[in-house]
C-alpha atoms as a PDB file:
ATOM      1  CA  THR A   1      26.185   5.594   7.196  1.00  0.00           C
ATOM      2  CA  CYS A   2      22.763   4.540   5.892  1.00  0.00           C
ATOM      3  CA  ARG A   3      21.725   2.833   9.193  1.00  0.00           C
ATOM      4  CA  ALA A   4      22.474   6.102  11.049  1.00  0.00           C
ATOM      5  CA  GLN A   5      20.032   7.791   8.600  1.00  0.00           C
ATOM      6  CA  GLY A   6      17.527   5.162   8.970  1.00  0.00           C
ATOM      7  CA  ILE A   7      17.756   3.944   5.503  1.00  0.00           C
ATOM      8  CA  GLY A   8      17.037   0.406   4.719  1.00  0.00           C
ATOM      9  CA  GLY A   9      16.372  -0.923   8.174  1.00  0.00           C
ATOM     10  CA  LYS A  10      13.399  -2.644   9.382  1.00  0.00           C
ATOM     11  CA  GLN A  11      13.207  -0.343  12.485  1.00  0.00           C
ATOM     12  CA  THR A  12      12.731   2.945  10.368  1.00  0.00           C
ATOM     13  CA  ASN A  13       9.699   4.789   9.513  1.00  0.00           C
ATOM     14  CA  ARG A  14       8.705   3.170   6.354  1.00  0.00           C
ATOM     15  CA  MET A  15       6.500   5.021   3.704  1.00  0.00           C
ATOM     16  CA  PRO A  16       3.110   3.366   3.254  1.00  0.00           C
ATOM     17  CA  LEU A  17       2.894   1.924  -0.289  1.00  0.00           C
ATOM     18  CA  PRO A  18      -0.073   0.885  -2.512  1.00  0.00           C
ATOM     19  CA  ALA A  19      -0.903  -2.852  -2.735  1.00  0.00           C
ATOM     20  CA  MET A  20       1.736  -4.593  -4.941  1.00  0.00           C
ATOM     21  CA  LYS A  21      -0.888  -5.637  -7.470  1.00  0.00           C
ATOM     22  CA  ASP A  22      -2.885  -2.394  -7.675  1.00  0.00           C
ATOM     23  CA  ARG A  23      -1.681  -1.071 -11.045  1.00  0.00           C
ATOM     24  CA  PRO A  24      -3.817   2.150 -11.137  1.00  0.00           C
ATOM     25  CA  SER A  25      -2.544   2.839  -7.619  1.00  0.00           C
ATOM     26  CA  TRP A  26       1.069   2.548  -8.429  1.00  0.00           C
ATOM     27  CA  HIS A  27       0.650   4.763 -11.608  1.00  0.00           C
ATOM     28  CA  ARG A  28      -0.763   7.432  -9.228  1.00  0.00           C
ATOM     29  CA  PHE A  29       1.798   6.903  -6.569  1.00  0.00           C
ATOM     30  CA  CYS A  30       4.792   7.259  -8.952  1.00  0.00           C
ATOM     31  CA  LEU A  31       3.492   9.817 -11.252  1.00  0.00           C
ATOM     32  CA  GLY A  32       0.818  11.765  -9.369  1.00  0.00           C
ATOM     33  CA  THR A  33      -2.773  12.537  -9.751  1.00  0.00           C
ATOM     34  CA  ALA A  34      -2.073  15.014 -12.492  1.00  0.00           C
ATOM     35  CA  GLU A  35      -0.927  12.379 -14.844  1.00  0.00           C
ATOM     36  CA  ALA A  36      -3.096   9.506 -13.572  1.00  0.00           C
ATOM     37  CA  ASP A  37      -6.181  11.553 -13.995  1.00  0.00           C
ATOM     38  CA  GLY A  38      -5.318  12.269 -17.704  1.00  0.00           C
ATOM     39  CA  ASN A  39      -6.487   8.818 -18.800  1.00  0.00           C
ATOM     40  CA  THR A  40      -8.896   7.605 -15.971  1.00  0.00           C
ATOM     41  CA  GLY A  41     -10.773   5.681 -18.631  1.00  0.00           C
ATOM     42  CA  ALA A  42      -7.765   3.424 -19.252  1.00  0.00           C
ATOM     43  CA  TYR A  43      -7.910   2.134 -15.535  1.00  0.00           C
ATOM     44  CA  TYR A  44     -11.366   0.458 -15.806  1.00  0.00           C
ATOM     45  CA  GLY A  45     -12.219   0.560 -19.478  1.00  0.00           C
ATOM     46  CA  ASP A  46      -8.946  -1.047 -20.466  1.00  0.00           C
ATOM     47  CA  GLU A  47      -9.238  -4.697 -21.626  1.00  0.00           C
ATOM     48  CA  HIS A  48      -5.582  -5.305 -20.512  1.00  0.00           C
ATOM     49  CA  PHE A  49      -6.615  -4.654 -16.823  1.00  0.00           C
ATOM     50  CA  ASP A  50      -6.903  -7.925 -15.165  1.00  0.00           C
ATOM     51  CA  CYS A  51      -9.604  -8.096 -12.610  1.00  0.00           C
ATOM     52  CA  ASP A  52      -7.668 -10.373 -10.462  1.00  0.00           C
ATOM     53  CA  ASP A  53      -5.125  -7.546 -10.185  1.00  0.00           C
ATOM     54  CA  ALA A  54      -7.859  -5.340  -8.384  1.00  0.00           C
ATOM     55  CA  ASN A  55      -6.295  -3.659  -5.355  1.00  0.00           C
ATOM     56  CA  ASP A  56      -6.435  -4.609  -1.653  1.00  0.00           C
ATOM     57  CA  SER A  57      -8.036  -1.348  -0.778  1.00  0.00           C
ATOM     58  CA  THR A  58     -10.828  -2.216  -3.221  1.00  0.00           C
ATOM     59  CA  LYS A  59     -11.535  -5.432  -1.518  1.00  0.00           C
ATOM     60  CA  GLU A  60     -11.442  -3.974   1.901  1.00  0.00           C
ATOM     61  CA  GLY A  61     -13.727  -1.122   0.745  1.00  0.00           C
ATOM     62  CA  LYS A  62     -16.349  -3.804   0.010  1.00  0.00           C
ATOM     63  CA  ARG A  63     -16.403  -4.981   3.556  1.00  0.00           C
ATOM     64  CA  GLY A  64     -17.737  -1.467   4.673  1.00  0.00           C
ATOM     65  CA  GLN A  65     -14.672   0.806   4.614  1.00  0.00           C
ATOM     66  CA  ASP A  66     -15.646   2.922   1.501  1.00  0.00           C
ATOM     67  CA  ASN A  67     -14.884   6.237   2.674  1.00  0.00           C
ATOM     68  CA  GLU A  68     -11.244   5.352   4.225  1.00  0.00           C
ATOM     69  CA  VAL A  69      -8.402   6.865   2.234  1.00  0.00           C
ATOM     70  CA  PRO A  70      -5.518   4.532   1.876  1.00  0.00           C
ATOM     71  CA  ALA A  71      -2.480   5.651   3.915  1.00  0.00           C
ATOM     72  CA  TRP A  72      -0.302   5.999   0.932  1.00  0.00           C
ATOM     73  CA  ARG A  73      -2.742   8.672  -0.606  1.00  0.00           C
ATOM     74  CA  THR A  74      -2.489  10.832   2.549  1.00  0.00           C
ATOM     75  CA  ASN A  75       0.319  13.278   1.450  1.00  0.00           C
ATOM     76  CA  LEU A  76       0.361  12.172  -2.177  1.00  0.00           C
ATOM     77  CA  PRO A  77       2.465  14.799  -4.130  1.00  0.00           C
ATOM     78  CA  GLU A  78       0.668  16.241  -7.074  1.00  0.00           C
ATOM     79  CA  ASN A  79       3.520  14.917  -9.456  1.00  0.00           C
ATOM     80  CA  GLY A  80       3.891  11.649  -7.385  1.00  0.00           C
ATOM     81  CA  TYR A  81       6.830  10.332  -5.140  1.00  0.00           C
ATOM     82  CA  GLN A  82      10.348  10.663  -6.404  1.00  0.00           C
ATOM     83  CA  PRO A  83      12.179   7.317  -6.458  1.00  0.00           C
ATOM     84  CA  THR A  84      14.456   8.056  -3.620  1.00  0.00           C
ATOM     85  CA  VAL A  85      17.051   5.605  -2.146  1.00  0.00           C
ATOM     86  CA  ARG A  86      15.067   5.481   0.997  1.00  0.00           C
ATOM     87  CA  LEU A  87      11.835   4.305  -0.927  1.00  0.00           C
ATOM     88  CA  LEU A  88      13.600   2.075  -3.180  1.00  0.00           C
ATOM     89  CA  LEU A  89      15.435   0.151  -0.485  1.00  0.00           C
ATOM     90  CA  GLN A  90      12.004  -0.310   1.232  1.00  0.00           C
ATOM     91  CA  MET A  91      10.954  -2.528  -1.636  1.00  0.00           C
ATOM     92  CA  ASP A  92      11.887  -6.213  -2.231  1.00  0.00           C
ATOM     93  CA  GLN A  93      12.726  -7.723  -5.507  1.00  0.00           C
ATOM     94  CA  VAL A  94       9.172  -8.899  -6.199  1.00  0.00           C
ATOM     95  CA  MET A  95       7.868  -5.540  -5.701  1.00  0.00           C
ATOM     96  CA  ILE A  96      10.455  -4.016  -7.870  1.00  0.00           C
ATOM     97  CA  ARG A  97       9.573  -6.286 -10.650  1.00  0.00           C
ATOM     98  CA  ARG A  98       5.914  -5.743 -10.215  1.00  0.00           C
ATOM     99  CA  VAL A  99       5.965  -1.944 -10.113  1.00  0.00           C
ATOM    100  CA  LEU A 100       8.403  -1.982 -13.237  1.00  0.00           C
ATOM    101  CA  SER A 101       5.821  -3.997 -15.009  1.00  0.00           C
ATOM    102  CA  HIS A 102       3.053  -1.754 -13.895  1.00  0.00           C
ATOM    103  CA  LEU A 103       4.757   1.424 -15.198  1.00  0.00           C
ATOM    104  CA  ALA A 104       5.841  -0.334 -18.483  1.00  0.00           C
ATOM    105  CA  HIS A 105       2.285  -1.438 -18.985  1.00  0.00           C
ATOM    106  CA  PHE A 106       1.219   2.343 -18.918  1.00  0.00           C
ATOM    107  CA  PHE A 107       3.903   3.182 -21.182  1.00  0.00           C
ATOM    108  CA  GLN A 108       2.975   0.550 -23.670  1.00  0.00           C
ATOM    109  CA  LEU A 109      -0.541   1.985 -23.630  1.00  0.00           C
ATOM    110  CA  GLY A 110       0.702   5.209 -25.030  1.00  0.00           C
ATOM    111  CA  TRP A 111       1.644   7.297 -22.100  1.00  0.00           C
ATOM    112  CA  SER A 112       4.546   9.627 -22.660  1.00  0.00           C
ATOM    113  CA  LEU A 113       7.949   9.094 -21.164  1.00  0.00           C
ATOM    114  CA  GLY A 114       8.066  12.125 -18.902  1.00  0.00           C
ATOM    115  CA  ASP A 115      10.759  13.218 -16.487  1.00  0.00           C
ATOM    116  CA  ARG A 116       9.143  11.305 -13.559  1.00  0.00           C
ATOM    117  CA  ARG A 117       8.454   8.211 -15.471  1.00  0.00           C
ATOM    118  CA  GLY A 118      12.049   7.974 -16.698  1.00  0.00           C
ATOM    119  CA  GLU A 119      13.393   8.514 -13.257  1.00  0.00           C
ATOM    120  CA  TRP A 120      11.167   5.616 -12.064  1.00  0.00           C
ATOM    121  CA  PHE A 121      12.154   3.392 -14.832  1.00  0.00           C
ATOM    122  CA  TYR A 122      15.826   4.109 -14.381  1.00  0.00           C
ATOM    123  CA  ALA A 123      15.618   3.676 -10.521  1.00  0.00           C
ATOM    124  CA  LEU A 124      13.714   0.378 -10.775  1.00  0.00           C
ATOM    125  CA  LEU A 125      16.259  -0.958 -13.242  1.00  0.00           C
ATOM    126  CA  ALA A 126      19.048   0.089 -11.033  1.00  0.00           C
ATOM    127  CA  ARG A 127      17.572  -2.151  -8.324  1.00  0.00           C
ATOM    128  CA  LEU A 128      16.539  -5.078 -10.533  1.00  0.00           C
ATOM    129  CA  GLU A 129      18.772  -7.994  -9.841  1.00  0.00           C
ATOM    130  CA  LYS A 130      20.323 -10.162 -12.712  1.00  0.00           C
ATOM    131  CA  PRO A 131      19.661 -12.684 -13.845  1.00  0.00           C
ATOM    132  CA  VAL A 132      16.077 -11.632 -14.892  1.00  0.00           C
ATOM    133  CA  HIS A 133      13.341 -14.121 -14.801  1.00  0.00           C
ATOM    134  CA  ARG A 134      11.625 -15.100 -17.932  1.00  0.00           C
ATOM    135  CA  ASP A 135       8.487 -12.886 -17.216  1.00  0.00           C
ATOM    136  CA  ASP A 136      10.773  -9.920 -16.327  1.00  0.00           C
ATOM    137  CA  ALA A 137      12.715 -10.490 -19.571  1.00  0.00           C
ATOM    138  CA  SER A 138       9.388 -10.386 -21.523  1.00  0.00           C
ATOM    139  CA  VAL A 139       8.469  -7.047 -19.730  1.00  0.00           C
ATOM    140  CA  LEU A 140      11.858  -5.683 -20.336  1.00  0.00           C
ATOM    141  CA  PHE A 141      11.878  -6.675 -23.982  1.00  0.00           C
ATOM    142  CA  SER A 142       8.308  -5.101 -24.585  1.00  0.00           C
ATOM    143  CA  LEU A 143       9.573  -2.044 -22.801  1.00  0.00           C
ATOM    144  CA  LEU A 144      12.763  -1.882 -25.195  1.00  0.00           C
ATOM    145  CA  LYS A 145      10.486  -2.117 -28.219  1.00  0.00           C
ATOM    146  CA  GLY A 146       8.253   0.765 -26.839  1.00  0.00           C
ATOM    147  CA  LEU A 147      11.328   2.855 -26.189  1.00  0.00           C
ATOM    148  CA  THR A 148      12.968   2.299 -29.463  1.00  0.00           C
ATOM    149  CA  LEU A 149       9.602   3.040 -31.380  1.00  0.00           C
ATOM    150  CA  ALA A 150       9.334   6.333 -29.267  1.00  0.00           C
ATOM    151  CA  ARG A 151      12.934   7.117 -30.107  1.00  0.00           C
ATOM    152  CA  SER A 152      12.355   6.590 -33.938  1.00  0.00           C
ATOM    153  CA  LYS A 153       9.541   9.322 -33.794  1.00  0.00           C
ATOM    154  CA  ILE A 154      11.858  11.972 -32.370  1.00  0.00           C
ATOM    155  CA  ASN A 155      13.447  14.537 -34.651  1.00  0.00           C
ATOM    156  CA  CYS A 156      17.080  14.599 -33.492  1.00  0.00           C
ATOM    157  CA  ASP A 157      17.667  18.085 -35.025  1.00  0.00           C
ATOM    158  CA  ASP A 158      15.262  19.498 -32.633  1.00  0.00           C
ATOM    159  CA  ASN A 159      16.822  20.990 -29.424  1.00  0.00           C
ATOM    160  CA  ASN A 160      13.686  20.819 -27.460  1.00  0.00           C
ATOM    161  CA  SER A 161      13.767  16.964 -27.849  1.00  0.00           C
ATOM    162  CA  GLN A 162      17.402  16.568 -26.675  1.00  0.00           C
ATOM    163  CA  PRO A 163      16.447  15.707 -22.893  1.00  0.00           C
ATOM    164  CA  LEU A 164      13.827  13.090 -24.030  1.00  0.00           C
ATOM    165  CA  LEU A 165      16.359  11.644 -26.540  1.00  0.00           C
ATOM    166  CA  ALA A 166      19.038  11.472 -23.912  1.00  0.00           C
ATOM    167  CA  ARG A 167      16.417   9.665 -21.511  1.00  0.00           C
ATOM    168  CA  LEU A 168      15.468   7.317 -24.099  1.00  0.00           C
ATOM    169  CA  ASN A 169      18.948   6.497 -25.144  1.00  0.00           C
ATOM    170  CA  THR A 170      19.848   5.763 -21.700  1.00  0.00           C
ATOM    171  CA  LEU A 171      17.061   3.333 -20.975  1.00  0.00           C
ATOM    172  CA  ILE A 172      17.425   1.662 -24.321  1.00  0.00           C
ATOM    173  CA  VAL A 173      21.292   1.018 -23.666  1.00  0.00           C
ATOM    174  CA  LEU A 174      20.467  -0.073 -19.980  1.00  0.00           C
ATOM    175  CA  ILE A 175      17.819  -2.562 -21.164  1.00  0.00           C
ATOM    176  CA  GLY A 176      19.204  -3.724 -24.484  1.00  0.00           C
ATOM    177  CA  ILE A 177      22.893  -4.156 -23.275  1.00  0.00           C
ATOM    178  CA  TYR A 178      23.021  -4.570 -19.497  1.00  0.00           C
ATOM    179  CA  PHE A 179      19.773  -6.668 -19.168  1.00  0.00           C
ATOM    180  CA  GLU A 180      20.696  -8.381 -22.633  1.00  0.00           C
ATOM    181  CA  GLN A 181      17.421  -7.788 -24.263  1.00  0.00           C
ATOM    182  CA  GLY A 182      18.656  -6.205 -27.338  1.00  0.00           C
ATOM    183  CA  GLY A 183      19.487  -9.524 -29.239  1.00  0.00           C
ATOM    184  CA  GLU A 184      22.621 -10.765 -30.747  1.00  0.00           C
ATOM    185  CA  GLU A 185      23.266  -7.631 -32.889  1.00  0.00           C
ATOM    186  CA  CYS A 186      23.155  -5.425 -29.769  1.00  0.00           C
ATOM    187  CA  MET A 187      25.655  -7.710 -27.876  1.00  0.00           C
ATOM    188  CA  SER A 188      27.907  -7.911 -30.753  1.00  0.00           C
ATOM    189  CA  LEU A 189      28.440  -4.176 -30.636  1.00  0.00           C
ATOM    190  CA  ILE A 190      30.071  -4.446 -27.112  1.00  0.00           C
ATOM    191  CA  ASN A 191      32.397  -7.228 -28.075  1.00  0.00           C
END
């Protein structure tokens, strides 16, 4: 059972996570330093980055702990953490929604839908409870628009793009139909 394996309980060893509002740290946590360092200027030079979303570790650093590395960064894999069941069960709905929003933000800035980002989107959507709040619906709708735009640019005849096409189609159907963000035309297809 899950309890015997230490999954989901409060007495289990919990993985240290970035602060909930720390968008750049969540990007690095989920996708790794290799991807996050590819566009470092987007973190701090981005007009969409809200100064109120500055991470808690930055605020603590101003108090004199500049050299201390956050616990979540200690053994950070090069390609980020996989969205395992143990990790996802550690997050509550507020954190699920916030991390989904963070990853969607970077995708909308033009970051590609790689394997790991697709895995995280799918895993977070699997944990997202319905009905979705209007703010979450807005994030999902924007993500759906970005996914459909990315899909429209793919050459369907190219065999190299088939894995990306499958990933995009899965996320589009999940958001458009299951989370009902595709509009009435999309919903009429299932009736």
